[in-house]
């Protein structure tokens, strides 16, 4: 894909592809309101605080409210290589649901789950809840069978695996560069 910026590895390619989906003008800038969307498209699960931190780190000084691809790509590459914003493992999500289900019914009611999602932790908006219900709710019972829901949420994001490979390649390159001896300087007689 031609993005008009130098891409050095597979991680940068994936980040630029996700970024360009939200680059509506084709100028390598996105509205900062889409930063969270790009991160989620990549398979990250950032908190709103993390999204705001990425915006703060990547927002253009020349064009406030906009983020440029190169600045975003550099910053997000480092975050991914540090394994930040990773989705929770399915087993952890299951443990959380089981804590909310002391009677071991294997489901939560829509009302109870909606109340939790809109009032606890990082609250969902009404729009986010409406987007979640078709995936979470069993259309027959109207409840949230959480093992089924967890399976709907599970998707293996390869971005962190790719970030790990790039991190290792960069470390190897840095080690090789460190091991090189500078060429001797030879002065010619004048």
Protein backbone atom coordinates (compact mmCIF):
# COMPACT_ATOMS: atom_id res chain seq x y z
CA UNK A 1 0.00 0.00 0.00
CA UNK A 2 1.35 3.41 -0.96
CA UNK A 3 1.07 5.79 1.98
CA UNK A 4 3.71 8.35 1.05
CA UNK A 5 5.75 7.68 4.17
CA UNK A 6 8.71 5.41 4.66
CA UNK A 7 7.62 2.13 6.25
CA UNK A 8 10.44 0.16 7.83
CA UNK A 9 8.74 -3.03 9.06
CA UNK A 10 5.48 -5.00 9.23
CA UNK A 11 4.39 -3.18 12.39
CA UNK A 12 4.58 0.18 10.68
CA UNK A 13 2.69 -1.23 7.68
CA UNK A 14 -0.17 -2.40 9.91
CA UNK A 15 -0.31 0.87 11.82
CA UNK A 16 -0.30 2.93 8.63
CA UNK A 17 -3.03 0.77 7.06
CA UNK A 18 -5.27 1.22 10.11
CA UNK A 19 -4.48 4.95 10.25
CA UNK A 20 -5.26 5.48 6.57
CA UNK A 21 -8.75 4.01 6.98
CA UNK A 22 -9.57 7.10 9.06
CA UNK A 23 -7.58 9.53 6.90
CA UNK A 24 -10.60 10.89 5.04
CA UNK A 25 -8.65 13.56 3.13
CA UNK A 26 -5.67 11.42 2.16
CA UNK A 27 -3.26 13.95 3.67
CA UNK A 28 -1.74 11.64 6.34
CA UNK A 29 -3.69 13.41 9.11
CA UNK A 30 -6.64 12.14 11.11
CA UNK A 31 -8.93 13.95 13.48
CA UNK A 32 -7.74 13.21 17.02
CA UNK A 33 -11.25 11.96 17.80
CA UNK A 34 -10.38 8.92 15.65
CA UNK A 35 -7.21 7.98 17.54
CA UNK A 36 -9.13 5.53 19.75
CA UNK A 37 -10.78 4.02 16.68
CA UNK A 38 -7.41 3.39 15.03
CA UNK A 39 -6.04 1.80 18.20
CA UNK A 40 -9.07 -0.46 18.55
CA UNK A 41 -8.91 -1.36 14.85
CA UNK A 42 -5.33 -2.51 15.47
CA UNK A 43 -6.60 -4.86 18.21
CA UNK A 44 -5.62 -2.69 21.16
CA UNK A 45 -7.94 -2.21 24.12
CA UNK A 46 -7.04 1.24 25.43
CA UNK A 47 -8.71 2.99 28.31
CA UNK A 48 -9.97 6.49 27.64
CA UNK A 49 -7.00 7.76 29.67
CA UNK A 50 -4.61 5.87 27.35
CA UNK A 51 -6.35 7.25 24.27
CA UNK A 52 -5.98 10.77 25.65
CA UNK A 53 -2.28 10.13 26.37
CA UNK A 54 -1.73 9.01 22.75
CA UNK A 55 -3.57 12.09 21.50
CA UNK A 56 -1.48 14.34 23.72
CA UNK A 57 1.74 12.71 22.51
CA UNK A 58 0.84 12.76 18.81
CA UNK A 59 -1.34 15.82 18.23
CA UNK A 60 0.07 18.19 15.64
CA UNK A 61 1.40 21.51 16.93
CA UNK A 62 0.65 23.11 13.56
CA UNK A 63 -2.85 21.64 13.22
CA UNK A 64 -4.47 21.22 16.66
CA UNK A 65 -7.11 18.50 16.67
CA UNK A 66 -5.16 16.54 14.03
CA UNK A 67 -2.60 13.74 14.30
CA UNK A 68 -0.05 13.02 11.58
CA UNK A 69 0.77 9.48 10.51
CA UNK A 70 4.53 9.60 11.14
CA UNK A 71 4.20 10.90 14.69
CA UNK A 72 1.38 8.47 15.45
CA UNK A 73 3.23 5.52 13.93
CA UNK A 74 6.41 6.18 15.90
CA UNK A 75 4.60 6.63 19.21
CA UNK A 76 2.19 3.72 18.82
CA UNK A 77 4.98 1.38 17.64
CA UNK A 78 6.77 1.94 20.93
CA UNK A 79 3.59 1.37 22.94
CA UNK A 80 2.89 -1.88 21.12
CA UNK A 81 6.46 -3.10 21.58
CA UNK A 82 6.02 -2.39 25.31
CA UNK A 83 2.80 -4.49 25.19
CA UNK A 84 0.59 -1.63 26.32
CA UNK A 85 -3.18 -1.60 25.72
CA UNK A 86 -3.36 -5.40 25.27
CA UNK A 87 -6.72 -7.12 25.59
CA UNK A 88 -7.25 -9.11 28.77
CA UNK A 89 -6.89 -12.87 28.37
CA UNK A 90 -10.20 -14.76 28.11
CA UNK A 91 -9.53 -16.52 31.42
CA UNK A 92 -9.33 -13.16 33.24
CA UNK A 93 -12.58 -11.99 31.63
CA UNK A 94 -14.24 -15.27 32.65
CA UNK A 95 -13.03 -14.80 36.25
CA UNK A 96 -14.53 -11.31 36.28
CA UNK A 97 -17.89 -12.59 35.02
CA UNK A 98 -17.85 -15.44 37.55
CA UNK A 99 -17.32 -12.90 40.32
CA UNK A 100 -20.44 -11.10 39.13
CA UNK A 101 -22.36 -14.41 39.06
CA UNK A 102 -22.12 -15.79 42.64
CA UNK A 103 -25.12 -18.09 42.00
CA UNK A 104 -23.26 -19.71 39.08
CA UNK A 105 -26.15 -19.21 36.63
CA UNK A 106 -23.63 -18.77 33.77
CA UNK A 107 -25.37 -15.59 32.61
CA UNK A 108 -26.07 -12.03 33.69
CA UNK A 109 -29.32 -10.23 33.04
CA UNK A 110 -29.26 -7.46 30.47
CA UNK A 111 -30.38 -4.96 33.13
CA UNK A 112 -27.66 -5.95 35.61
CA UNK A 113 -24.89 -6.09 33.02
CA UNK A 114 -26.04 -2.80 31.46
CA UNK A 115 -26.05 -1.13 34.87
CA UNK A 116 -22.51 -2.36 35.56
CA UNK A 117 -21.24 -1.30 32.15
CA UNK A 118 -22.76 2.18 32.38
CA UNK A 119 -21.95 2.94 36.01
CA UNK A 120 -18.76 1.10 37.00
CA UNK A 121 -15.14 1.44 35.94
CA UNK A 122 -14.86 3.27 32.66
CA UNK A 123 -18.57 3.69 31.88
CA UNK A 124 -20.01 2.82 28.49
CA UNK A 125 -22.08 5.45 26.72
CA UNK A 126 -25.62 4.64 25.59
CA UNK A 127 -24.28 4.31 22.03
CA UNK A 128 -21.61 1.84 23.14
CA UNK A 129 -24.19 -0.22 25.02
CA UNK A 130 -26.46 -0.29 21.97
CA UNK A 131 -23.52 -1.50 19.85
CA UNK A 132 -22.67 -4.19 22.43
CA UNK A 133 -26.13 -5.72 22.90
CA UNK A 134 -26.41 -7.57 19.57
CA UNK A 135 -23.17 -9.40 20.34
CA UNK A 136 -23.74 -9.92 24.08
CA UNK A 137 -27.40 -10.86 24.39
CA UNK A 138 -28.90 -14.25 23.68
CA UNK A 139 -31.93 -13.38 21.52
CA UNK A 140 -33.97 -16.23 22.99
CA UNK A 141 -33.44 -15.58 26.72
CA UNK A 142 -32.59 -11.88 26.62
CA UNK A 143 -29.70 -12.53 29.01
CA UNK A 144 -25.93 -12.30 28.60
CA UNK A 145 -24.50 -15.86 28.64
CA UNK A 146 -20.98 -14.81 29.43
CA UNK A 147 -19.03 -17.79 28.10
CA UNK A 148 -20.69 -17.25 24.73
CA UNK A 149 -20.07 -13.50 24.95
CA UNK A 150 -16.39 -14.01 25.81
CA UNK A 151 -16.02 -16.23 22.74
CA UNK A 152 -17.59 -13.46 20.64
CA UNK A 153 -15.04 -11.00 22.05
CA UNK A 154 -12.04 -13.26 21.59
CA UNK A 155 -9.94 -12.54 18.63
CA UNK A 156 -6.27 -13.07 18.42
CA UNK A 157 -4.67 -9.80 17.54
CA UNK A 158 -1.40 -10.43 15.75
CA UNK A 159 -0.23 -6.85 16.27
CA UNK A 160 1.50 -7.66 19.57
CA UNK A 161 3.26 -10.69 18.07
CA UNK A 162 4.49 -8.52 15.20
CA UNK A 163 5.53 -5.80 17.66
CA UNK A 164 7.56 -8.37 19.60
CA UNK A 165 9.39 -9.50 16.43
CA UNK A 166 10.16 -5.89 15.46
CA UNK A 167 11.38 -5.15 18.98
CA UNK A 168 13.73 -8.15 18.80
CA UNK A 169 14.97 -7.12 15.34
CA UNK A 170 15.65 -3.57 16.55
CA UNK A 171 17.51 -4.90 19.60
CA UNK A 172 19.64 -7.15 17.39
CA UNK A 173 20.40 -4.26 15.05
CA UNK A 174 21.34 -2.02 17.98
CA UNK A 175 23.59 -4.76 19.37
CA UNK A 176 25.34 -5.15 16.01
CA UNK A 177 25.78 -1.39 15.72
CA UNK A 178 27.19 -1.29 19.23
CA UNK A 179 29.68 -4.03 18.40
CA UNK A 180 31.05 -2.32 15.31
CA UNK A 181 34.35 -0.57 15.73
CA UNK A 182 34.64 2.82 14.14
CA UNK A 183 36.89 2.95 11.08
CA UNK A 184 40.32 4.32 11.92
CA UNK A 185 40.96 7.88 10.92
CA UNK A 186 44.06 8.16 8.76
CA UNK A 187 45.67 11.50 8.38
CA UNK A 188 47.55 12.09 5.18
CA UNK A 189 50.75 14.10 5.44
CA UNK A 190 50.33 17.62 4.28
